[in-house]
Amino acid sequence: MTEEQTQRLREEEDRLFAAFGSLRDANEARAFLLDVCSPKEIEDLAQRLQVATLLSDGCSYVDVSRKTGASSTTVSRVSKCLNGEVGGYRTVLLRLEGGV
């Protein structure tokens, strides 16, 4: 990929993030995701959120994998993100719990 292509992709990623930020409610988010993602991609995203929820609640990796069907690699990756600097999972989990 050329530097110009990489720059254009980053601009489109920013546009995608802005598109998510423009959605007003869960119904609009559902409609957008159903258009943008395959059913399997939506299933995978939902599973990752479930993994993050269970990890945040203190469940072990083994229990999370058993309860969700997620691979140990997925559980590990979500855990790394959940405890990482970016904080996306933490923000979403707080908001879903009505915290922020």
Protein backbone atom coordinates (compact mmCIF):
# COMPACT_ATOMS: atom_id res chain seq x y z
CA MET A 1 0.00 0.00 0.00
CA THR A 2 1.38 3.39 -0.94
CA GLU A 3 1.62 6.27 1.51
CA GLU A 4 -1.17 8.04 -0.38
CA GLN A 5 -3.44 4.97 -0.12
CA THR A 6 -2.65 4.66 3.59
CA GLN A 7 -3.56 8.32 4.11
CA ARG A 8 -6.84 7.91 2.21
CA LEU A 9 -7.70 4.82 4.26
CA ARG A 10 -7.05 6.71 7.51
CA GLU A 11 -9.32 9.51 6.31
CA GLU A 12 -12.05 6.98 5.54
CA GLU A 13 -11.58 5.38 8.96
CA ASP A 14 -12.07 8.80 10.54
CA ARG A 15 -15.18 9.22 8.40
CA LEU A 16 -16.47 5.83 9.59
CA PHE A 17 -15.90 6.82 13.23
CA ALA A 18 -17.75 10.08 12.57
CA ALA A 19 -20.59 8.09 10.99
CA PHE A 20 -20.97 6.05 14.19
CA GLY A 21 -20.88 9.24 16.22
CA SER A 22 -23.67 10.73 14.11
CA LEU A 23 -26.14 7.96 14.95
CA ARG A 24 -28.92 9.10 17.27
CA ASP A 25 -30.08 5.83 18.82
CA ALA A 26 -29.84 2.05 18.84
CA ASN A 27 -32.29 1.73 15.94
CA GLU A 28 -30.09 3.88 13.69
CA ALA A 29 -27.01 1.96 14.85
CA ARG A 30 -28.76 -1.33 14.04
CA ALA A 31 -29.72 -0.12 10.55
CA PHE A 32 -26.19 1.12 9.83
CA LEU A 33 -24.50 -2.04 11.10
CA LEU A 34 -26.90 -4.27 9.16
CA ASP A 35 -25.95 -2.35 6.01
CA VAL A 36 -22.20 -2.21 6.69
CA CYS A 37 -21.48 -5.59 8.26
CA SER A 38 -22.24 -9.18 7.39
CA PRO A 39 -24.40 -11.13 9.86
CA LYS A 40 -21.25 -13.00 10.98
CA GLU A 41 -19.38 -9.74 11.63
CA ILE A 42 -22.28 -8.46 13.76
CA GLU A 43 -22.34 -11.77 15.64
CA ASP A 44 -18.58 -11.50 16.26
CA LEU A 45 -18.91 -7.92 17.53
CA ALA A 46 -21.76 -8.89 19.84
CA GLN A 47 -19.72 -11.83 21.15
CA ARG A 48 -16.76 -9.54 21.90
CA LEU A 49 -19.00 -7.19 23.85
CA GLN A 50 -20.33 -10.17 25.81
CA VAL A 51 -16.74 -11.27 26.49
CA ALA A 52 -15.83 -7.77 27.69
CA THR A 53 -18.88 -7.70 29.96
CA LEU A 54 -18.04 -11.02 31.57
CA LEU A 55 -14.36 -10.14 31.99
CA SER A 56 -15.35 -6.82 33.53
CA ASP A 57 -17.57 -8.73 35.94
CA GLY A 58 -14.54 -10.77 37.05
CA CYS A 59 -15.13 -14.04 35.22
CA SER A 60 -12.10 -16.17 34.40
CA TYR A 61 -10.92 -16.66 30.82
CA VAL A 62 -12.06 -20.28 30.92
CA ASP A 63 -15.56 -19.37 32.16
CA VAL A 64 -15.85 -16.59 29.58
CA SER A 65 -14.82 -18.91 26.77
CA ARG A 66 -17.26 -21.58 27.96
CA LYS A 67 -20.18 -19.16 28.37
CA THR A 68 -19.68 -17.33 25.06
CA GLY A 69 -18.07 -19.89 22.79
CA ALA A 70 -15.29 -17.40 22.09
CA SER A 71 -11.82 -18.74 21.45
CA SER A 72 -9.08 -18.22 24.01
CA THR A 73 -7.43 -15.89 21.50
CA THR A 74 -10.54 -13.72 21.32
CA VAL A 75 -10.92 -13.65 25.11
CA SER A 76 -7.27 -12.69 25.48
CA ARG A 77 -7.52 -9.94 22.85
CA VAL A 78 -10.66 -8.47 24.40
CA SER A 79 -9.02 -8.57 27.83
CA LYS A 80 -5.99 -6.72 26.47
CA CYS A 81 -8.26 -4.05 24.97
CA LEU A 82 -10.45 -3.88 28.07
CA ASN A 83 -7.39 -3.14 30.18
CA GLY A 84 -5.59 -1.04 27.56
CA GLU A 85 -5.13 2.68 27.17
CA VAL A 86 -7.81 3.37 24.55
CA GLY A 87 -10.75 2.60 26.83
CA GLY A 88 -13.46 1.92 24.27
CA TYR A 89 -14.87 -1.14 25.99
CA ARG A 90 -14.77 0.56 29.39
CA THR A 91 -16.66 3.59 28.06
CA VAL A 92 -19.33 1.46 26.39
CA LEU A 93 -19.78 -0.84 29.39
CA LEU A 94 -20.18 2.15 31.72
CA ARG A 95 -22.75 3.73 29.41
CA LEU A 96 -24.68 0.50 29.00
CA GLU A 97 -24.82 0.26 32.80
CA GLY A 98 -26.13 3.85 32.90
CA GLY A 99 -22.95 5.21 34.46
CA VAL A 100 -21.82 7.94 32.06
